[in-house]
C-alpha cells in the first residue's frame, strides 16, 4: 500500500508560485494536505474512478496512460516533480470520473488536496486559481501535440528517416525548430521524439545539432515506415 501522512509545508519548495501565496485560507488548506509515497508501477488512480483530490507531484515521475479494451496502451503525458496532473484538474473542474489511469514510474511522492478544499481555493484564492489554469493550459498544449503525433502518424519513423538520410559525418546541424519545419511538425513534437531517441542511445543532443550514435537502430525504425 502507499504510505500516507500529513504533508509537511516543505513540498511548496517545488511550487514557487504556490509558495508565494499569503492567505490564511491557503495556509489552512496546505496544512490539511496529505502526502502519499508510491512505489514504481503502483497505481495512483484508475480509469473510471471518481476524482477526489487535486494532485501535485513533489518528487519522482508519474505516467498517465490510456489502455484500450484490447490491451493497447498510449501514454498521454508524464507528470514530473513540480508539476500537477491535468486530467485530475479537468475531472475536478468538470465533476467527471477519470478517463485514464496513472501509475508511478519511479519512487514518487505526491501531495493531495481534497476536492472540497480545491474548490474553496479556486473560488476564493486568485493566485491559486491562476496557477491551476496556467498548469492546465500547458498540459492541454502537450496533449494537442500528442494528438498531432497520432493523427498524422508515425512521426518517429519520419524523423528517423530524415536523420539517417541527411547527416554529415553522423551529425545533423539543425535545431529542433528547423527539423520541425522540414518535417511539417511542431518543435515540441520533434523535441520529445529526439529526447526519446537519446534515452535509447540512438542520438546525442547538442545545441543546434544532433549527433547520430546508432544509425542502424534509426535505419531499422525508418524502414518500418517505408515498407
Protein backbone atom coordinates (compact mmCIF):
# COMPACT_ATOMS: atom_id res chain seq x y z
CA UNK A 1 0.00 0.00 0.00
CA UNK A 2 1.02 3.62 -0.47
CA UNK A 3 2.48 5.38 2.55
CA UNK A 4 0.27 8.30 3.64
CA UNK A 5 0.76 11.07 6.16
CA UNK A 6 0.12 14.76 6.66
CA UNK A 7 2.23 16.76 4.22
CA UNK A 8 4.98 18.98 5.53
CA UNK A 9 4.80 22.51 4.06
CA UNK A 10 8.27 21.82 2.61
CA UNK A 11 6.55 20.41 -0.50
CA UNK A 12 5.83 24.00 -1.51
CA UNK A 13 9.52 24.37 -2.33
CA UNK A 14 8.73 22.56 -5.59
CA UNK A 15 5.93 25.03 -6.44
CA UNK A 16 7.29 28.56 -6.19
CA UNK A 17 4.05 30.22 -7.32
CA UNK A 18 2.08 28.43 -4.63
CA UNK A 19 4.73 29.15 -2.00
CA UNK A 20 4.21 32.88 -2.61
CA UNK A 21 0.52 32.79 -1.73
CA UNK A 22 -0.11 34.69 1.51
CA UNK A 23 -3.64 33.86 2.52
CA UNK A 24 -4.97 32.35 5.78
CA UNK A 25 -7.35 30.06 3.88
CA UNK A 26 -4.48 28.79 1.75
CA UNK A 27 -2.31 28.17 4.80
CA UNK A 28 -5.12 26.09 6.30
CA UNK A 29 -5.50 24.10 3.08
CA UNK A 30 -1.75 23.47 2.90
CA UNK A 31 -1.83 22.28 6.49
CA UNK A 32 -4.59 19.78 5.72
CA UNK A 33 -2.96 18.38 2.56
CA UNK A 34 -1.92 14.72 2.55
CA UNK A 35 1.41 13.38 1.37
CA UNK A 36 1.49 9.94 -0.25
CA UNK A 37 4.52 7.88 -1.34
CA UNK A 38 4.19 5.40 -4.20
CA UNK A 39 6.42 2.58 -5.36
CA UNK A 40 7.32 2.17 -9.07
CA UNK A 41 4.39 0.74 -11.07
CA UNK A 42 1.96 1.38 -8.21
CA UNK A 43 -1.40 2.80 -9.36
CA UNK A 44 -2.21 6.34 -8.28
CA UNK A 45 -5.67 6.49 -9.81
CA UNK A 46 -7.61 4.18 -12.12
CA UNK A 47 -9.74 4.68 -15.20
CA UNK A 48 -13.36 5.17 -14.15
CA UNK A 49 -12.67 6.19 -10.55
CA UNK A 50 -14.20 9.30 -9.05
CA UNK A 51 -11.74 12.15 -8.66
CA UNK A 52 -11.46 13.22 -5.02
CA UNK A 53 -8.16 15.08 -4.82
CA UNK A 54 -6.03 17.69 -6.59
CA UNK A 55 -2.70 16.01 -7.29
CA UNK A 56 0.73 17.64 -7.22
CA UNK A 57 3.94 15.66 -7.78
CA UNK A 58 6.68 16.57 -5.30
CA UNK A 59 9.30 14.02 -6.40
CA UNK A 60 9.63 11.20 -8.91
CA UNK A 61 7.62 10.76 -12.08
CA UNK A 62 4.01 9.74 -12.76
CA UNK A 63 2.78 8.32 -16.05
CA UNK A 64 -0.79 8.94 -17.19
CA UNK A 65 -1.92 6.41 -19.76
CA UNK A 66 -4.99 5.06 -21.53
CA UNK A 67 -5.34 1.35 -22.08
CA UNK A 68 -7.87 0.14 -24.64
CA UNK A 69 -10.09 -2.91 -24.06
CA UNK A 70 -7.81 -4.96 -26.33
CA UNK A 71 -4.75 -4.05 -24.26
CA UNK A 72 -3.17 -1.30 -26.35
CA UNK A 73 -1.56 1.49 -24.32
CA UNK A 74 -0.93 5.11 -25.15
CA UNK A 75 0.96 7.38 -22.80
CA UNK A 76 -0.88 10.68 -22.56
CA UNK A 77 1.76 12.53 -20.59
CA UNK A 78 4.22 12.36 -17.70
CA UNK A 79 3.94 14.40 -14.51
CA UNK A 80 7.33 15.31 -13.08
CA UNK A 81 8.35 16.91 -9.79
CA UNK A 82 6.92 20.41 -9.54
CA UNK A 83 4.01 19.64 -11.88
CA UNK A 84 0.32 18.88 -11.49
CA UNK A 85 -1.90 16.32 -13.21
CA UNK A 86 -4.04 17.94 -15.91
CA UNK A 87 -6.52 15.07 -16.08
CA UNK A 88 -7.13 15.34 -12.34
CA UNK A 89 -7.69 19.08 -12.74
CA UNK A 90 -10.22 18.71 -15.57
CA UNK A 91 -12.07 15.97 -13.68
CA UNK A 92 -12.33 18.18 -10.59
CA UNK A 93 -13.47 21.19 -12.60
CA UNK A 94 -15.99 19.21 -14.63
CA UNK A 95 -17.18 16.80 -11.96
CA UNK A 96 -16.23 13.83 -14.13
CA UNK A 97 -14.62 10.48 -13.44
CA UNK A 98 -11.12 9.64 -14.59
CA UNK A 99 -10.93 8.54 -18.23
CA UNK A 100 -7.38 7.19 -17.94
CA UNK A 101 -5.09 5.82 -15.25
CA UNK A 102 -1.89 6.96 -13.57
CA UNK A 103 0.99 4.91 -12.21
CA UNK A 104 4.25 5.85 -10.54
CA UNK A 105 7.19 5.43 -12.93
CA UNK A 106 9.75 5.84 -10.14
CA UNK A 107 9.52 6.12 -6.37
CA UNK A 108 7.20 9.12 -6.24
CA UNK A 109 5.80 11.46 -3.63
CA UNK A 110 2.57 13.31 -4.31
CA UNK A 111 0.55 15.81 -2.34
CA UNK A 112 -3.23 15.52 -2.36
CA UNK A 113 -5.59 18.42 -1.71
CA UNK A 114 -9.14 17.29 -1.01
CA UNK A 115 -11.79 18.11 -3.60
CA UNK A 116 -13.79 20.44 -1.35
CA UNK A 117 -10.65 22.37 -0.40
CA UNK A 118 -9.57 22.59 -4.04
CA UNK A 119 -12.97 24.06 -4.88
CA UNK A 120 -12.69 26.51 -2.00
CA UNK A 121 -9.25 27.62 -3.16
CA UNK A 122 -10.46 28.04 -6.75
CA UNK A 123 -13.36 30.20 -5.54
CA UNK A 124 -11.53 32.38 -3.03
CA UNK A 125 -7.78 32.49 -3.81
CA UNK A 126 -7.00 34.21 -7.15
CA UNK A 127 -3.30 33.25 -7.13
CA UNK A 128 -4.16 29.58 -6.74
CA UNK A 129 -6.76 29.83 -9.49
CA UNK A 130 -4.18 31.39 -11.83
CA UNK A 131 -1.70 28.62 -11.04
CA UNK A 132 -4.30 25.95 -11.84
CA UNK A 133 -5.27 27.50 -15.18
CA UNK A 134 -1.68 28.09 -16.24
CA UNK A 135 -0.81 24.47 -15.47
CA UNK A 136 -3.88 23.30 -17.34
CA UNK A 137 -3.05 25.43 -20.38
CA UNK A 138 0.42 23.91 -20.64
CA UNK A 139 -0.94 20.40 -20.24
CA UNK A 140 -3.53 20.88 -22.95
CA UNK A 141 -0.81 22.08 -25.29
CA UNK A 142 1.13 18.88 -24.66
CA UNK A 143 -1.97 16.79 -25.36
CA UNK A 144 -2.57 18.63 -28.64
CA UNK A 145 0.95 17.70 -29.66
CA UNK A 146 0.21 14.09 -28.82
CA UNK A 147 -2.92 14.19 -30.98
CA UNK A 148 -0.77 15.51 -33.81
CA UNK A 149 1.60 12.57 -33.40
CA UNK A 150 -1.28 10.13 -33.58
CA UNK A 151 -3.38 11.84 -36.25
CA UNK A 152 -0.58 12.49 -38.69
CA UNK A 153 1.07 9.23 -37.91
CA UNK A 154 4.50 7.78 -37.39
CA UNK A 155 6.40 10.98 -36.93
CA UNK A 156 9.09 8.99 -35.14
CA UNK A 157 9.78 6.96 -38.30
CA UNK A 158 9.79 10.08 -40.45
CA UNK A 159 12.23 11.74 -38.08
CA UNK A 160 14.48 8.66 -38.01
CA UNK A 161 14.49 8.53 -41.84
CA UNK A 162 15.41 12.21 -42.04
CA UNK A 163 18.29 11.82 -39.58
CA UNK A 164 19.69 8.80 -41.42
CA UNK A 165 19.35 10.43 -44.85
CA UNK A 166 20.57 13.94 -44.05
CA UNK A 167 23.57 13.62 -41.78
CA UNK A 168 27.10 14.78 -42.48
CA UNK A 169 29.62 12.53 -40.75
CA UNK A 170 26.97 11.42 -38.27
CA UNK A 171 25.89 14.98 -37.47
CA UNK A 172 22.69 16.80 -38.41
CA UNK A 173 23.34 20.52 -37.99
CA UNK A 174 19.78 21.66 -37.43
CA UNK A 175 17.86 23.00 -34.47
CA UNK A 176 14.70 21.29 -33.28
CA UNK A 177 12.68 24.10 -34.84
CA UNK A 178 14.40 23.69 -38.20
CA UNK A 179 13.76 19.95 -38.09
CA UNK A 180 10.12 20.62 -37.29
CA UNK A 181 9.85 22.86 -40.35
CA UNK A 182 11.48 20.20 -42.52
CA UNK A 183 9.03 17.56 -41.34
CA UNK A 184 5.91 19.73 -41.14
CA UNK A 185 5.53 19.21 -37.42
CA UNK A 186 5.73 21.21 -34.19
CA UNK A 187 9.01 21.87 -32.41
CA UNK A 188 7.62 20.35 -29.20
CA UNK A 189 6.83 17.09 -31.02
CA UNK A 190 10.30 16.86 -32.55
CA UNK A 191 11.98 17.70 -29.25
CA UNK A 192 10.01 14.98 -27.46
CA UNK A 193 10.91 12.38 -30.09
CA UNK A 194 14.57 13.36 -30.09
CA UNK A 195 14.72 13.06 -26.32
CA UNK A 196 13.22 9.61 -26.61
CA UNK A 197 15.88 8.70 -29.21
CA UNK A 198 18.53 10.00 -26.83
CA UNK A 199 17.20 7.88 -23.95
CA UNK A 200 17.63 4.85 -26.21
CA UNK A 201 21.21 5.92 -27.02
CA UNK A 202 20.44 6.39 -30.72
CA UNK A 203 21.42 10.07 -30.77
CA UNK A 204 23.12 12.65 -28.59
CA UNK A 205 21.61 16.11 -28.48
CA UNK A 206 23.71 19.27 -28.60
CA UNK A 207 22.85 22.92 -29.07
CA UNK A 208 22.00 23.37 -32.74
CA UNK A 209 22.90 19.84 -33.83
CA UNK A 210 22.10 16.14 -33.37
CA UNK A 211 24.86 13.54 -33.20
CA UNK A 212 23.97 10.10 -34.60
CA UNK A 213 25.09 7.34 -32.22
CA UNK A 214 23.25 4.27 -33.55
CA UNK A 215 22.43 4.70 -37.23
CA UNK A 216 21.44 1.02 -37.53
CA UNK A 217 18.65 1.43 -34.98
CA UNK A 218 17.42 4.59 -36.69
CA UNK A 219 17.54 2.89 -40.10
CA UNK A 220 15.52 -0.02 -38.77
CA UNK A 221 12.90 2.32 -37.38
CA UNK A 222 12.84 4.37 -40.60
CA UNK A 223 12.45 1.31 -42.81
CA UNK A 224 9.33 0.22 -40.95
CA UNK A 225 7.70 3.41 -42.23
CA UNK A 226 8.84 2.97 -45.80
CA UNK A 227 7.78 -0.63 -46.31
